[in-house]
């Protein structure tokens, strides 16, 4: 899948589809430094915002040794992607409607990161 980082209308930079992406397609793996829960908490206290919980006391910090997946922005109302945790990896997957060329990739970060109104 071809994706590109560009300026986002949602926030800062975003990740955009270059080509049409059919639903269910694994678009990109969320990569970065693997860190403990304790290290994740310390980094979050210092305003880190690209940390993804992997489970079993591990997290991925996309801002450290990460890739373009860290630029995918939040959407609670109309996300076009979802997260798949599979065998110690985190994948960004195209949602049921697929993604059109030029469309920004989004997923719901969850109520822990963005509390419900």
PDB file of N, CA and C in Angstrom:
ATOM      1  N   UNK A   1       0.837  -1.177   0.000  1.00  0.00           N
ATOM      2  CA  UNK A   1       0.000   0.000   0.000  1.00  0.00           C
ATOM      3  C   UNK A   1       0.876   1.232   0.000  1.00  0.00           C
ATOM      4  N   UNK A   2       0.543   2.139  -0.855  1.00  0.00           N
ATOM      5  CA  UNK A   2       1.305   3.381  -0.885  1.00  0.00           C
ATOM      6  C   UNK A   2       0.575   4.439  -0.079  1.00  0.00           C
ATOM      7  N   UNK A   3       1.308   5.015   0.875  1.00  0.00           N
ATOM      8  CA  UNK A   3       0.791   6.088   1.713  1.00  0.00           C
ATOM      9  C   UNK A   3       1.832   7.201   1.750  1.00  0.00           C
ATOM     10  N   UNK A   4       1.362   8.406   2.075  1.00  0.00           N
ATOM     11  CA  UNK A   4       2.262   9.552   2.098  1.00  0.00           C
ATOM     12  C   UNK A   4       1.878  10.455   3.270  1.00  0.00           C
ATOM     13  N   UNK A   5       2.889  11.057   3.896  1.00  0.00           N
ATOM     14  CA  UNK A   5       2.677  12.010   4.980  1.00  0.00           C
ATOM     15  C   UNK A   5       2.504  13.393   4.373  1.00  0.00           C
ATOM     16  N   UNK A   6       1.404  14.070   4.773  1.00  0.00           N
ATOM     17  CA  UNK A   6       1.133  15.438   4.320  1.00  0.00           C
ATOM     18  C   UNK A   6       0.510  16.220   5.469  1.00  0.00           C
ATOM     19  N   UNK A   7       0.369  17.512   5.264  1.00  0.00           N
ATOM     20  CA  UNK A   7      -0.309  18.355   6.240  1.00  0.00           C
ATOM     21  C   UNK A   7      -1.759  17.896   6.360  1.00  0.00           C
ATOM     22  N   UNK A   8      -2.228  17.841   7.611  1.00  0.00           N
ATOM     23  CA  UNK A   8      -3.571  17.354   7.909  1.00  0.00           C
ATOM     24  C   UNK A   8      -4.507  18.481   8.307  1.00  0.00           C
ATOM     25  N   UNK A   9      -5.762  18.362   7.931  1.00  0.00           N
ATOM     26  CA  UNK A   9      -6.777  19.308   8.405  1.00  0.00           C
ATOM     27  C   UNK A   9      -7.188  18.980   9.837  1.00  0.00           C
ATOM     28  N   UNK A  10      -6.904  17.747  10.279  1.00  0.00           N
ATOM     29  CA  UNK A  10      -7.271  17.323  11.626  1.00  0.00           C
ATOM     30  C   UNK A  10      -6.266  17.843  12.643  1.00  0.00           C
ATOM     31  N   UNK A  11      -4.973  17.552  12.394  1.00  0.00           N
ATOM     32  CA  UNK A  11      -3.938  17.952  13.347  1.00  0.00           C
ATOM     33  C   UNK A  11      -2.562  17.751  12.718  1.00  0.00           C
ATOM     34  N   UNK A  12      -1.781  18.802  12.649  1.00  0.00           N
ATOM     35  CA  UNK A  12      -0.384  18.700  12.199  1.00  0.00           C
ATOM     36  C   UNK A  12      -0.227  17.958  10.894  1.00  0.00           C
ATOM     37  N   UNK A  13       0.501  16.852  10.943  1.00  0.00           N
ATOM     38  CA  UNK A  13       0.688  16.002   9.775  1.00  0.00           C
ATOM     39  C   UNK A  13      -0.230  14.803   9.880  1.00  0.00           C
ATOM     40  N   UNK A  14      -0.549  14.217   8.727  1.00  0.00           N
ATOM     41  CA  UNK A  14      -1.386  13.029   8.686  1.00  0.00           C
ATOM     42  C   UNK A  14      -0.853  12.059   7.650  1.00  0.00           C
ATOM     43  N   UNK A  15      -1.401  10.852   7.645  1.00  0.00           N
ATOM     44  CA  UNK A  15      -1.023   9.836   6.673  1.00  0.00           C
ATOM     45  C   UNK A  15      -2.174   9.666   5.695  1.00  0.00           C
ATOM     46  N   UNK A  16      -1.865   9.724   4.411  1.00  0.00           N
ATOM     47  CA  UNK A  16      -2.882   9.712   3.360  1.00  0.00           C
ATOM     48  C   UNK A  16      -2.647   8.563   2.389  1.00  0.00           C
ATOM     49  N   UNK A  17      -3.758   8.018   1.883  1.00  0.00           N
ATOM     50  CA  UNK A  17      -3.688   6.944   0.892  1.00  0.00           C
ATOM     51  C   UNK A  17      -3.330   7.529  -0.461  1.00  0.00           C
ATOM     52  N   UNK A  18      -2.416   6.899  -1.159  1.00  0.00           N
ATOM     53  CA  UNK A  18      -2.091   7.289  -2.527  1.00  0.00           C
ATOM     54  C   UNK A  18      -3.024   6.558  -3.492  1.00  0.00           C
ATOM     55  N   UNK A  19      -3.267   5.291  -3.201  1.00  0.00           N
ATOM     56  CA  UNK A  19      -4.123   4.444  -4.030  1.00  0.00           C
ATOM     57  C   UNK A  19      -5.359   4.045  -3.227  1.00  0.00           C
ATOM     58  N   UNK A  20      -6.353   3.497  -3.903  1.00  0.00           N
ATOM     59  CA  UNK A  20      -7.517   2.953  -3.209  1.00  0.00           C
ATOM     60  C   UNK A  20      -7.068   1.767  -2.346  1.00  0.00           C
ATOM     61  N   UNK A  21      -7.605   1.699  -1.134  1.00  0.00           N
ATOM     62  CA  UNK A  21      -7.263   0.613  -0.218  1.00  0.00           C
ATOM     63  C   UNK A  21      -8.551  -0.119   0.145  1.00  0.00           C
ATOM     64  N   UNK A  22      -8.699  -1.357  -0.277  1.00  0.00           N
ATOM     65  CA  UNK A  22      -9.920  -2.118   0.035  1.00  0.00           C
ATOM     66  C   UNK A  22     -10.041  -2.438   1.519  1.00  0.00           C
ATOM     67  N   UNK A  23     -11.278  -2.616   1.997  1.00  0.00           N
ATOM     68  CA  UNK A  23     -11.508  -2.931   3.400  1.00  0.00           C
ATOM     69  C   UNK A  23     -10.777  -4.219   3.772  1.00  0.00           C
ATOM     70  N   UNK A  24     -10.329  -4.253   5.020  1.00  0.00           N
ATOM     71  CA  UNK A  24      -9.647  -5.431   5.531  1.00  0.00           C
ATOM     72  C   UNK A  24      -8.173  -5.521   5.185  1.00  0.00           C
ATOM     73  N   UNK A  25      -7.668  -4.587   4.406  1.00  0.00           N
ATOM     74  CA  UNK A  25      -6.258  -4.592   4.008  1.00  0.00           C
ATOM     75  C   UNK A  25      -5.380  -4.095   5.153  1.00  0.00           C
ATOM     76  N   UNK A  26      -4.336  -4.846   5.464  1.00  0.00           N
ATOM     77  CA  UNK A  26      -3.335  -4.367   6.418  1.00  0.00           C
ATOM     78  C   UNK A  26      -2.510  -3.312   5.704  1.00  0.00           C
ATOM     79  N   UNK A  27      -2.640  -2.084   6.159  1.00  0.00           N
ATOM     80  CA  UNK A  27      -2.024  -0.962   5.457  1.00  0.00           C
ATOM     81  C   UNK A  27      -0.571  -0.769   5.863  1.00  0.00           C
ATOM     82  N   UNK A  28      -0.352  -0.691   7.169  1.00  0.00           N
ATOM     83  CA  UNK A  28       0.983  -0.409   7.671  1.00  0.00           C
ATOM     84  C   UNK A  28       1.094  -0.927   9.098  1.00  0.00           C
ATOM     85  N   UNK A  29       2.269  -1.419   9.446  1.00  0.00           N
ATOM     86  CA  UNK A  29       2.512  -1.845  10.817  1.00  0.00           C
ATOM     87  C   UNK A  29       2.952  -0.631  11.630  1.00  0.00           C
ATOM     88  N   UNK A  30       2.408  -0.504  12.838  1.00  0.00           N
ATOM     89  CA  UNK A  30       2.829   0.560  13.746  1.00  0.00           C
ATOM     90  C   UNK A  30       4.144   0.118  14.363  1.00  0.00           C
ATOM     91  N   UNK A  31       5.219   0.818  14.035  1.00  0.00           N
ATOM     92  CA  UNK A  31       6.543   0.424  14.487  1.00  0.00           C
ATOM     93  C   UNK A  31       7.152   1.481  15.384  1.00  0.00           C
ATOM     94  N   UNK A  32       8.120   1.065  16.178  1.00  0.00           N
ATOM     95  CA  UNK A  32       8.833   1.971  17.052  1.00  0.00           C
ATOM     96  C   UNK A  32       9.559   1.201  18.127  1.00  0.00           C
ATOM     97  N   UNK A  33      10.198   1.958  18.994  1.00  0.00           N
ATOM     98  CA  UNK A  33      10.945   1.361  20.090  1.00  0.00           C
ATOM     99  C   UNK A  33       9.984   0.665  21.054  1.00  0.00           C
ATOM    100  N   UNK A  34      10.323  -0.546  21.459  1.00  0.00           N
ATOM    101  CA  UNK A  34       9.526  -1.281  22.438  1.00  0.00           C
ATOM    102  C   UNK A  34      10.020  -0.904  23.825  1.00  0.00           C
ATOM    103  N   UNK A  35       9.068  -0.443  24.648  1.00  0.00           N
ATOM    104  CA  UNK A  35       9.408   0.050  25.979  1.00  0.00           C
ATOM    105  C   UNK A  35       8.455  -0.546  27.015  1.00  0.00           C
ATOM    106  N   UNK A  36       8.887  -0.520  28.274  1.00  0.00           N
ATOM    107  CA  UNK A  36       8.087  -1.042  29.384  1.00  0.00           C
ATOM    108  C   UNK A  36       6.949  -0.077  29.721  1.00  0.00           C
ATOM    109  N   UNK A  37       6.010  -0.569  30.531  1.00  0.00           N
ATOM    110  CA  UNK A  37       4.936   0.298  31.018  1.00  0.00           C
ATOM    111  C   UNK A  37       5.503   1.472  31.804  1.00  0.00           C
ATOM    112  N   UNK A  38       6.514   1.211  32.615  1.00  0.00           N
ATOM    113  CA  UNK A  38       7.108   2.275  33.428  1.00  0.00           C
ATOM    114  C   UNK A  38       7.740   3.350  32.547  1.00  0.00           C
ATOM    115  N   UNK A  39       8.472   2.925  31.516  1.00  0.00           N
ATOM    116  CA  UNK A  39       9.086   3.888  30.601  1.00  0.00           C
ATOM    117  C   UNK A  39       8.014   4.642  29.814  1.00  0.00           C
ATOM    118  N   UNK A  40       6.966   3.952  29.421  1.00  0.00           N
ATOM    119  CA  UNK A  40       5.864   4.609  28.698  1.00  0.00           C
ATOM    120  C   UNK A  40       5.238   5.700  29.565  1.00  0.00           C
ATOM    121  N   UNK A  41       4.976   5.384  30.837  1.00  0.00           N
ATOM    122  CA  UNK A  41       4.390   6.374  31.743  1.00  0.00           C
ATOM    123  C   UNK A  41       5.307   7.577  31.907  1.00  0.00           C
ATOM    124  N   UNK A  42       6.600   7.338  32.019  1.00  0.00           N
ATOM    125  CA  UNK A  42       7.552   8.446  32.154  1.00  0.00           C
ATOM    126  C   UNK A  42       7.556   9.322  30.908  1.00  0.00           C
ATOM    127  N   UNK A  43       7.521   8.699  29.748  1.00  0.00           N
ATOM    128  CA  UNK A  43       7.527   9.478  28.502  1.00  0.00           C
ATOM    129  C   UNK A  43       6.218  10.245  28.331  1.00  0.00           C
ATOM    130  N   UNK A  44       5.105   9.637  28.708  1.00  0.00           N
ATOM    131  CA  UNK A  44       3.812  10.320  28.613  1.00  0.00           C
ATOM    132  C   UNK A  44       3.785  11.539  29.527  1.00  0.00           C
ATOM    133  N   UNK A  45       4.382  11.424  30.717  1.00  0.00           N
ATOM    134  CA  UNK A  45       4.474  12.576  31.627  1.00  0.00           C
ATOM    135  C   UNK A  45       5.285  13.710  31.007  1.00  0.00           C
ATOM    136  N   UNK A  46       6.150  13.385  30.054  1.00  0.00           N
ATOM    137  CA  UNK A  46       6.949  14.388  29.340  1.00  0.00           C
ATOM    138  C   UNK A  46       6.362  14.687  27.966  1.00  0.00           C
ATOM    139  N   UNK A  47       5.036  14.478  27.826  1.00  0.00           N
ATOM    140  CA  UNK A  47       4.262  14.856  26.634  1.00  0.00           C
ATOM    141  C   UNK A  47       4.455  13.955  25.415  1.00  0.00           C
ATOM    142  N   UNK A  48       4.944  12.739  25.585  1.00  0.00           N
ATOM    143  CA  UNK A  48       5.003  11.800  24.456  1.00  0.00           C
ATOM    144  C   UNK A  48       3.575  11.490  24.026  1.00  0.00           C
ATOM    145  N   UNK A  49       3.349  11.428  22.721  1.00  0.00           N
ATOM    146  CA  UNK A  49       1.989  11.186  22.237  1.00  0.00           C
ATOM    147  C   UNK A  49       1.912  10.130  21.128  1.00  0.00           C
ATOM    148  N   UNK A  50       2.936   9.335  20.979  1.00  0.00           N
ATOM    149  CA  UNK A  50       2.927   8.285  19.948  1.00  0.00           C
ATOM    150  C   UNK A  50       3.123   6.905  20.559  1.00  0.00           C
ATOM    151  N   UNK A  51       2.698   6.733  21.797  1.00  0.00           N
ATOM    152  CA  UNK A  51       2.897   5.459  22.482  1.00  0.00           C
ATOM    153  C   UNK A  51       1.641   4.613  22.380  1.00  0.00           C
ATOM    154  N   UNK A  52       1.836   3.381  21.976  1.00  0.00           N
ATOM    155  CA  UNK A  52       0.755   2.445  21.730  1.00  0.00           C
ATOM    156  C   UNK A  52       0.940   1.230  22.629  1.00  0.00           C
ATOM    157  N   UNK A  53      -0.077   0.874  23.388  1.00  0.00           N
ATOM    158  CA  UNK A  53       0.007  -0.286  24.265  1.00  0.00           C
ATOM    159  C   UNK A  53      -0.001  -1.569  23.445  1.00  0.00           C
ATOM    160  N   UNK A  54       0.996  -2.397  23.678  1.00  0.00           N
ATOM    161  CA  UNK A  54       1.093  -3.673  22.982  1.00  0.00           C
ATOM    162  C   UNK A  54       0.528  -4.801  23.830  1.00  0.00           C
ATOM    163  N   UNK A  55       0.670  -4.689  25.146  1.00  0.00           N
ATOM    164  CA  UNK A  55       0.206  -5.716  26.068  1.00  0.00           C
ATOM    165  C   UNK A  55       1.373  -6.393  26.749  1.00  0.00           C
ATOM    166  N   UNK A  56       1.071  -7.159  27.808  1.00  0.00           N
ATOM    167  CA  UNK A  56       2.091  -7.876  28.570  1.00  0.00           C
ATOM    168  C   UNK A  56       3.216  -6.964  29.042  1.00  0.00           C
ATOM    169  N   UNK A  57       2.859  -5.724  29.447  1.00  0.00           N
ATOM    170  CA  UNK A  57       3.855  -4.801  29.969  1.00  0.00           C
ATOM    171  C   UNK A  57       4.707  -4.118  28.928  1.00  0.00           C
ATOM    172  N   UNK A  58       4.373  -4.297  27.647  1.00  0.00           N
ATOM    173  CA  UNK A  58       5.142  -3.680  26.566  1.00  0.00           C
ATOM    174  C   UNK A  58       4.316  -2.634  25.832  1.00  0.00           C
ATOM    175  N   UNK A  59       5.016  -1.656  25.306  1.00  0.00           N
ATOM    176  CA  UNK A  59       4.425  -0.571  24.530  1.00  0.00           C
ATOM    177  C   UNK A  59       5.337  -0.273  23.359  1.00  0.00           C
ATOM    178  N   UNK A  60       4.787   0.400  22.366  1.00  0.00           N
ATOM    179  CA  UNK A  60       5.572   0.835  21.215  1.00  0.00           C
ATOM    180  C   UNK A  60       5.542   2.360  21.174  1.00  0.00           C
ATOM    181  N   UNK A  61       6.721   2.968  21.147  1.00  0.00           N
ATOM    182  CA  UNK A  61       6.832   4.413  21.013  1.00  0.00           C
ATOM    183  C   UNK A  61       7.152   4.732  19.558  1.00  0.00           C
ATOM    184  N   UNK A  62       6.127   5.143  18.821  1.00  0.00           N
ATOM    185  CA  UNK A  62       6.273   5.428  17.397  1.00  0.00           C
ATOM    186  C   UNK A  62       7.151   6.621  17.086  1.00  0.00           C
ATOM    187  N   UNK A  63       7.398   7.481  18.084  1.00  0.00           N
ATOM    188  CA  UNK A  63       8.256   8.647  17.868  1.00  0.00           C
ATOM    189  C   UNK A  63       9.730   8.285  17.955  1.00  0.00           C
ATOM    190  N   UNK A  64      10.033   7.088  18.460  1.00  0.00           N
ATOM    191  CA  UNK A  64      11.405   6.634  18.592  1.00  0.00           C
ATOM    192  C   UNK A  64      11.582   5.380  17.738  1.00  0.00           C
ATOM    193  N   UNK A  65      12.352   5.491  16.683  1.00  0.00           N
ATOM    194  CA  UNK A  65      12.590   4.379  15.751  1.00  0.00           C
ATOM    195  C   UNK A  65      11.313   3.944  15.037  1.00  0.00           C
ATOM    196  N   UNK A  66      10.355   4.861  14.919  1.00  0.00           N
ATOM    197  CA  UNK A  66       9.063   4.540  14.314  1.00  0.00           C
ATOM    198  C   UNK A  66       9.013   4.792  12.823  1.00  0.00           C
ATOM    199  N   UNK A  67       7.818   4.647  12.280  1.00  0.00           N
ATOM    200  CA  UNK A  67       7.600   4.851  10.858  1.00  0.00           C
ATOM    201  C   UNK A  67       6.433   5.819  10.642  1.00  0.00           C
ATOM    202  N   UNK A  68       5.944   5.897   9.439  1.00  0.00           N
ATOM    203  CA  UNK A  68       4.889   6.850   9.085  1.00  0.00           C
ATOM    204  C   UNK A  68       3.567   6.580   9.794  1.00  0.00           C
ATOM    205  N   UNK A  69       3.377   5.393  10.341  1.00  0.00           N
ATOM    206  CA  UNK A  69       2.115   5.073  11.017  1.00  0.00           C
ATOM    207  C   UNK A  69       1.841   6.032  12.178  1.00  0.00           C
ATOM    208  N   UNK A  70       2.873   6.609  12.756  1.00  0.00           N
ATOM    209  CA  UNK A  70       2.677   7.523  13.889  1.00  0.00           C
ATOM    210  C   UNK A  70       1.909   8.782  13.491  1.00  0.00           C
ATOM    211  N   UNK A  71       1.771   9.047  12.203  1.00  0.00           N
ATOM    212  CA  UNK A  71       1.061  10.244  11.744  1.00  0.00           C
ATOM    213  C   UNK A  71      -0.436  10.024  11.534  1.00  0.00           C
ATOM    214  N   UNK A  72      -0.932   8.834  11.791  1.00  0.00           N
ATOM    215  CA  UNK A  72      -2.372   8.594  11.623  1.00  0.00           C
ATOM    216  C   UNK A  72      -3.107   9.299  12.754  1.00  0.00           C
ATOM    217  N   UNK A  73      -4.051  10.143  12.391  1.00  0.00           N
ATOM    218  CA  UNK A  73      -4.771  10.970  13.354  1.00  0.00           C
ATOM    219  C   UNK A  73      -6.026  10.290  13.882  1.00  0.00           C
ATOM    220  N   UNK A  74      -6.572  10.888  14.941  1.00  0.00           N
ATOM    221  CA  UNK A  74      -7.746  10.383  15.663  1.00  0.00           C
ATOM    222  C   UNK A  74      -9.050  10.829  15.006  1.00  0.00           C
ATOM    223  N   UNK A  75     -10.003   9.928  14.946  1.00  0.00           N
ATOM    224  CA  UNK A  75     -11.382  10.268  14.605  1.00  0.00           C
ATOM    225  C   UNK A  75     -12.294   9.344  15.384  1.00  0.00           C
ATOM    226  N   UNK A  76     -13.137   9.913  16.205  1.00  0.00           N
ATOM    227  CA  UNK A  76     -14.090   9.111  16.956  1.00  0.00           C
ATOM    228  C   UNK A  76     -15.363   8.895  16.147  1.00  0.00           C
ATOM    229  N   UNK A  77     -15.796   9.908  15.397  1.00  0.00           N
ATOM    230  CA  UNK A  77     -17.071   9.846  14.689  1.00  0.00           C
ATOM    231  C   UNK A  77     -17.031   9.049  13.399  1.00  0.00           C
ATOM    232  N   UNK A  78     -15.909   9.108  12.683  1.00  0.00           N
ATOM    233  CA  UNK A  78     -15.891   8.464  11.371  1.00  0.00           C
ATOM    234  C   UNK A  78     -14.500   7.914  11.025  1.00  0.00           C
ATOM    235  N   UNK A  79     -13.929   7.044  11.867  1.00  0.00           N
ATOM    236  CA  UNK A  79     -12.621   6.487  11.531  1.00  0.00           C
ATOM    237  C   UNK A  79     -12.719   5.563  10.325  1.00  0.00           C
ATOM    238  N   UNK A  80     -11.690   5.554   9.493  1.00  0.00           N
ATOM    239  CA  UNK A  80     -11.701   4.676   8.319  1.00  0.00           C
ATOM    240  C   UNK A  80     -10.742   3.494   8.465  1.00  0.00           C
ATOM    241  N   UNK A  81     -10.115   3.384   9.645  1.00  0.00           N
ATOM    242  CA  UNK A  81      -9.203   2.280   9.925  1.00  0.00           C
ATOM    243  C   UNK A  81      -9.501   1.722  11.309  1.00  0.00           C
ATOM    244  N   UNK A  82      -8.991   0.529  11.558  1.00  0.00           N
ATOM    245  CA  UNK A  82      -9.034  -0.034  12.898  1.00  0.00           C
ATOM    246  C   UNK A  82      -7.694  -0.684  13.188  1.00  0.00           C
ATOM    247  N   UNK A  83      -7.497  -1.060  14.447  1.00  0.00           N
ATOM    248  CA  UNK A  83      -6.228  -1.614  14.914  1.00  0.00           C
ATOM    249  C   UNK A  83      -6.358  -3.123  15.057  1.00  0.00           C
ATOM    250  N   UNK A  84      -5.334  -3.828  14.625  1.00  0.00           N
ATOM    251  CA  UNK A  84      -5.265  -5.276  14.784  1.00  0.00           C
ATOM    252  C   UNK A  84      -3.961  -5.610  15.495  1.00  0.00           C
ATOM    253  N   UNK A  85      -4.077  -6.198  16.669  1.00  0.00           N
ATOM    254  CA  UNK A  85      -2.893  -6.684  17.385  1.00  0.00           C
ATOM    255  C   UNK A  85      -2.743  -8.153  17.027  1.00  0.00           C
ATOM    256  N   UNK A  86      -1.601  -8.519  16.450  1.00  0.00           N
ATOM    257  CA  UNK A  86      -1.402  -9.878  15.957  1.00  0.00           C
ATOM    258  C   UNK A  86       0.038 -10.312  16.201  1.00  0.00           C
ATOM    259  N   UNK A  87       0.207 -11.295  17.073  1.00  0.00           N
ATOM    260  CA  UNK A  87       1.503 -11.920  17.300  1.00  0.00           C
ATOM    261  C   UNK A  87       2.599 -10.899  17.636  1.00  0.00           C
ATOM    262  N   UNK A  88       2.295 -10.000  18.585  1.00  0.00           N
ATOM    263  CA  UNK A  88       3.286  -9.024  19.021  1.00  0.00           C
ATOM    264  C   UNK A  88       3.480  -7.844  18.091  1.00  0.00           C
ATOM    265  N   UNK A  89       2.575  -7.693  17.149  1.00  0.00           N
ATOM    266  CA  UNK A  89       2.664  -6.577  16.206  1.00  0.00           C
ATOM    267  C   UNK A  89       1.335  -5.833  16.192  1.00  0.00           C
ATOM    268  N   UNK A  90       1.385  -4.570  15.805  1.00  0.00           N
ATOM    269  CA  UNK A  90       0.178  -3.749  15.685  1.00  0.00           C
ATOM    270  C   UNK A  90       0.046  -3.311  14.233  1.00  0.00           C
ATOM    271  N   UNK A  91      -1.091  -3.632  13.645  1.00  0.00           N
ATOM    272  CA  UNK A  91      -1.367  -3.282  12.249  1.00  0.00           C
ATOM    273  C   UNK A  91      -2.491  -2.264  12.170  1.00  0.00           C
ATOM    274  N   UNK A  92      -2.379  -1.343  11.237  1.00  0.00           N
ATOM    275  CA  UNK A  92      -3.457  -0.433  10.884  1.00  0.00           C
ATOM    276  C   UNK A  92      -4.163  -1.071   9.688  1.00  0.00           C
ATOM    277  N   UNK A  93      -5.482  -1.285   9.816  1.00  0.00           N
ATOM    278  CA  UNK A  93      -6.252  -2.026   8.822  1.00  0.00           C
ATOM    279  C   UNK A  93      -7.376  -1.144   8.288  1.00  0.00           C
ATOM    280  N   UNK A  94      -7.618  -1.211   6.981  1.00  0.00           N
ATOM    281  CA  UNK A  94      -8.686  -0.429   6.360  1.00  0.00           C
ATOM    282  C   UNK A  94     -10.049  -0.900   6.843  1.00  0.00           C
ATOM    283  N   UNK A  95     -10.895   0.050   7.199  1.00  0.00           N
ATOM    284  CA  UNK A  95     -12.241  -0.237   7.685  1.00  0.00           C
ATOM    285  C   UNK A  95     -13.182  -0.697   6.592  1.00  0.00           C
ATOM    286  N   UNK A  96     -14.410  -0.961   6.974  1.00  0.00           N
ATOM    287  CA  UNK A  96     -15.412  -1.614   6.127  1.00  0.00           C
ATOM    288  C   UNK A  96     -15.689  -0.879   4.819  1.00  0.00           C
ATOM    289  N   UNK A  97     -15.563   0.428   4.793  1.00  0.00           N
ATOM    290  CA  UNK A  97     -15.832   1.178   3.566  1.00  0.00           C
ATOM    291  C   UNK A  97     -14.600   1.341   2.684  1.00  0.00           C
ATOM    292  N   UNK A  98     -13.458   0.860   3.135  1.00  0.00           N
ATOM    293  CA  UNK A  98     -12.229   1.057   2.381  1.00  0.00           C
ATOM    294  C   UNK A  98     -11.789   2.506   2.455  1.00  0.00           C
ATOM    295  N   UNK A  99     -10.731   2.824   1.734  1.00  0.00           N
ATOM    296  CA  UNK A  99     -10.176   4.170   1.763  1.00  0.00           C
ATOM    297  C   UNK A  99      -9.902   4.619   0.336  1.00  0.00           C
ATOM    298  N   UNK A 100     -10.389   5.802   0.009  1.00  0.00           N
ATOM    299  CA  UNK A 100     -10.232   6.353  -1.337  1.00  0.00           C
ATOM    300  C   UNK A 100      -8.867   7.017  -1.487  1.00  0.00           C
ATOM    301  N   UNK A 101      -8.362   7.095  -2.722  1.00  0.00           N
ATOM    302  CA  UNK A 101      -7.114   7.817  -2.960  1.00  0.00           C
ATOM    303  C   UNK A 101      -7.216   9.261  -2.444  1.00  0.00           C
ATOM    304  N   UNK A 102      -6.191   9.717  -1.744  1.00  0.00           N
ATOM    305  CA  UNK A 102      -6.179  11.073  -1.213  1.00  0.00           C
ATOM    306  C   UNK A 102      -6.813  11.222   0.151  1.00  0.00           C
ATOM    307  N   UNK A 103      -7.492  10.187   0.636  1.00  0.00           N
ATOM    308  CA  UNK A 103      -8.170  10.259   1.926  1.00  0.00           C
ATOM    309  C   UNK A 103      -7.171  10.080   3.071  1.00  0.00           C
ATOM    310  N   UNK A 104      -7.370  10.852   4.144  1.00  0.00           N
ATOM    311  CA  UNK A 104      -6.516  10.720   5.317  1.00  0.00           C
ATOM    312  C   UNK A 104      -6.921   9.494   6.129  1.00  0.00           C
ATOM    313  N   UNK A 105      -5.934   8.739   6.591  1.00  0.00           N
ATOM    314  CA  UNK A 105      -6.183   7.576   7.434  1.00  0.00           C
ATOM    315  C   UNK A 105      -6.428   8.036   8.861  1.00  0.00           C
ATOM    316  N   UNK A 106      -7.473   7.477   9.493  1.00  0.00           N
ATOM    317  CA  UNK A 106      -7.804   7.806  10.875  1.00  0.00           C
ATOM    318  C   UNK A 106      -8.268   6.555  11.608  1.00  0.00           C
ATOM    319  N   UNK A 107      -8.079   6.566  12.925  1.00  0.00           N
ATOM    320  CA  UNK A 107      -8.700   5.546  13.763  1.00  0.00           C
ATOM    321  C   UNK A 107      -9.047   6.182  15.101  1.00  0.00           C
ATOM    322  N   UNK A 108      -9.899   5.515  15.869  1.00  0.00           N
ATOM    323  CA  UNK A 108     -10.322   6.017  17.168  1.00  0.00           C
ATOM    324  C   UNK A 108      -9.254   5.654  18.185  1.00  0.00           C
ATOM    325  N   UNK A 109      -8.603   6.657  18.784  1.00  0.00           N
ATOM    326  CA  UNK A 109      -7.540   6.420  19.753  1.00  0.00           C
ATOM    327  C   UNK A 109      -8.073   5.820  21.056  1.00  0.00           C
ATOM    328  N   UNK A 110      -9.378   5.889  21.252  1.00  0.00           N
ATOM    329  CA  UNK A 110      -9.986   5.330  22.459  1.00  0.00           C
ATOM    330  C   UNK A 110     -10.199   6.364  23.538  1.00  0.00           C
ATOM    331  N   UNK A 111     -11.041   6.010  24.506  1.00  0.00           N
ATOM    332  CA  UNK A 111     -11.432   6.958  25.536  1.00  0.00           C
ATOM    333  C   UNK A 111     -10.343   7.214  26.574  1.00  0.00           C
ATOM    334  N   UNK A 112      -9.305   6.370  26.630  1.00  0.00           N
ATOM    335  CA  UNK A 112      -8.204   6.646  27.544  1.00  0.00           C
ATOM    336  C   UNK A 112      -7.405   7.847  27.054  1.00  0.00           C
ATOM    337  N   UNK A 113      -7.176   7.916  25.738  1.00  0.00           N
ATOM    338  CA  UNK A 113      -6.417   9.027  25.165  1.00  0.00           C
ATOM    339  C   UNK A 113      -7.301  10.255  24.983  1.00  0.00           C
ATOM    340  N   UNK A 114      -8.507  10.046  24.441  1.00  0.00           N
ATOM    341  CA  UNK A 114      -9.488  11.121  24.259  1.00  0.00           C
ATOM    342  C   UNK A 114     -10.742  10.752  25.028  1.00  0.00           C
ATOM    343  N   UNK A 115     -10.891  11.262  26.262  1.00  0.00           N
ATOM    344  CA  UNK A 115     -12.080  10.909  27.054  1.00  0.00           C
ATOM    345  C   UNK A 115     -13.380  11.233  26.323  1.00  0.00           C
ATOM    346  N   UNK A 116     -14.408  10.404  26.572  1.00  0.00           N
ATOM    347  CA  UNK A 116     -15.708  10.630  25.958  1.00  0.00           C
ATOM    348  C   UNK A 116     -16.310  11.909  26.509  1.00  0.00           C
ATOM    349  N   UNK A 117     -17.035  12.620  25.656  1.00  0.00           N
ATOM    350  CA  UNK A 117     -17.651  13.898  26.079  1.00  0.00           C
ATOM    351  C   UNK A 117     -18.809  13.649  27.006  1.00  0.00           C
TER     352      UNK A 117
END
